[in-house]
Amino acid sequence: MPREYFNAREARRILEKNLKYYLAYRTINAYDVRPELPAKVAQMAEYLYLGLGIKNTSQRWEVLLKLCEGLVATVGSGAR
């Protein structure tokens, strides 16, 4: 795809749509980011897992995604 078709609006849309996944994956494996934010998100997720009694891996993933989605909605993507 030619570069001129990839504009800032499209880039923002892609980032905003996928940021919850990026944050969730980096919370699980923070290999290319500063560790402070993923560590804090992991602490929040563990608190939710314990409070909700969740041990199942797929349920944990769903809770982590919802948490990340809420964080992105609250804080924003910064892509303006």
Protein backbone atom coordinates (compact mmCIF):
# COMPACT_ATOMS: atom_id res chain seq x y z
CA MET A 1 0.00 0.00 0.00
CA PRO A 2 1.45 3.40 -0.93
CA ARG A 3 2.50 5.51 2.01
CA GLU A 4 0.14 8.39 1.16
CA TYR A 5 -2.86 6.14 1.92
CA PHE A 6 -1.74 5.67 5.50
CA ASN A 7 -2.67 8.98 7.09
CA ALA A 8 -2.71 10.23 10.65
CA ARG A 9 -6.45 9.67 11.06
CA GLU A 10 -6.10 6.00 10.08
CA ALA A 11 -3.10 5.58 12.37
CA ARG A 12 -5.07 7.02 15.31
CA ARG A 13 -8.02 4.75 14.56
CA ILE A 14 -5.78 1.67 14.48
CA LEU A 15 -4.01 2.67 17.69
CA GLU A 16 -7.23 3.42 19.55
CA LYS A 17 -8.81 0.15 18.41
CA ASN A 18 -5.83 -2.01 19.41
CA LEU A 19 -4.29 -0.24 22.40
CA LYS A 20 -6.10 -2.41 24.94
CA TYR A 21 -4.52 -5.49 23.35
CA TYR A 22 -1.07 -3.93 23.28
CA LEU A 23 -1.36 -2.96 26.96
CA ALA A 24 -2.66 -6.42 27.93
CA TYR A 25 0.11 -8.24 26.04
CA ARG A 26 2.78 -5.97 27.50
CA THR A 27 1.36 -6.55 30.97
CA ILE A 28 1.94 -10.27 30.48
CA ASN A 29 5.33 -9.87 28.78
CA ALA A 30 6.96 -6.45 29.17
CA TYR A 31 9.95 -7.16 26.97
CA ASP A 32 10.16 -3.92 25.00
CA VAL A 33 8.64 -1.33 27.35
CA ARG A 34 9.49 0.31 30.64
CA PRO A 35 8.22 -2.08 33.33
CA GLU A 36 6.45 0.36 35.67
CA LEU A 37 3.09 0.60 33.90
CA PRO A 38 2.77 -3.12 33.05
CA ALA A 39 3.67 -3.96 36.67
CA LYS A 40 0.95 -1.62 37.98
CA VAL A 41 -1.63 -3.04 35.55
CA ALA A 42 -0.63 -6.57 36.62
CA GLN A 43 -1.16 -5.60 40.29
CA MET A 44 -4.62 -4.22 39.47
CA ALA A 45 -5.47 -7.38 37.52
CA GLU A 46 -4.32 -9.63 40.37
CA TYR A 47 -6.54 -7.65 42.75
CA LEU A 48 -9.50 -8.25 40.44
CA TYR A 49 -8.69 -11.96 40.02
CA LEU A 50 -8.59 -12.43 43.78
CA GLY A 51 -11.71 -10.35 44.40
CA LEU A 52 -13.68 -12.14 41.71
CA GLY A 53 -12.25 -15.59 42.52
CA ILE A 54 -10.97 -16.09 38.96
CA LYS A 55 -8.45 -18.85 38.33
CA ASN A 56 -9.32 -19.91 34.79
CA THR A 57 -6.80 -18.62 32.22
CA SER A 58 -9.38 -17.55 29.65
CA GLN A 59 -11.40 -15.70 32.29
CA ARG A 60 -8.23 -14.00 33.52
CA TRP A 61 -7.50 -12.86 29.96
CA GLU A 62 -11.03 -11.44 29.62
CA VAL A 63 -10.70 -9.55 32.91
CA LEU A 64 -7.28 -8.22 31.89
CA LEU A 65 -8.68 -7.04 28.54
CA LYS A 66 -11.62 -5.30 30.25
CA LEU A 67 -9.23 -3.65 32.69
CA CYS A 68 -6.99 -2.44 29.86
CA GLU A 69 -10.01 -1.26 27.89
CA GLY A 70 -11.14 0.76 30.90
CA LEU A 71 -7.67 2.22 31.40
CA VAL A 72 -7.46 3.27 27.76
CA ALA A 73 -10.93 4.82 27.95
CA THR A 74 -10.03 6.68 31.15
CA VAL A 75 -6.52 7.81 30.29
CA GLY A 76 -6.84 7.91 26.52
CA SER A 77 -4.47 6.82 23.81
CA GLY A 78 -2.54 10.06 23.56
CA ALA A 79 -2.95 9.84 19.77
CA ARG A 80 -4.37 13.26 18.94
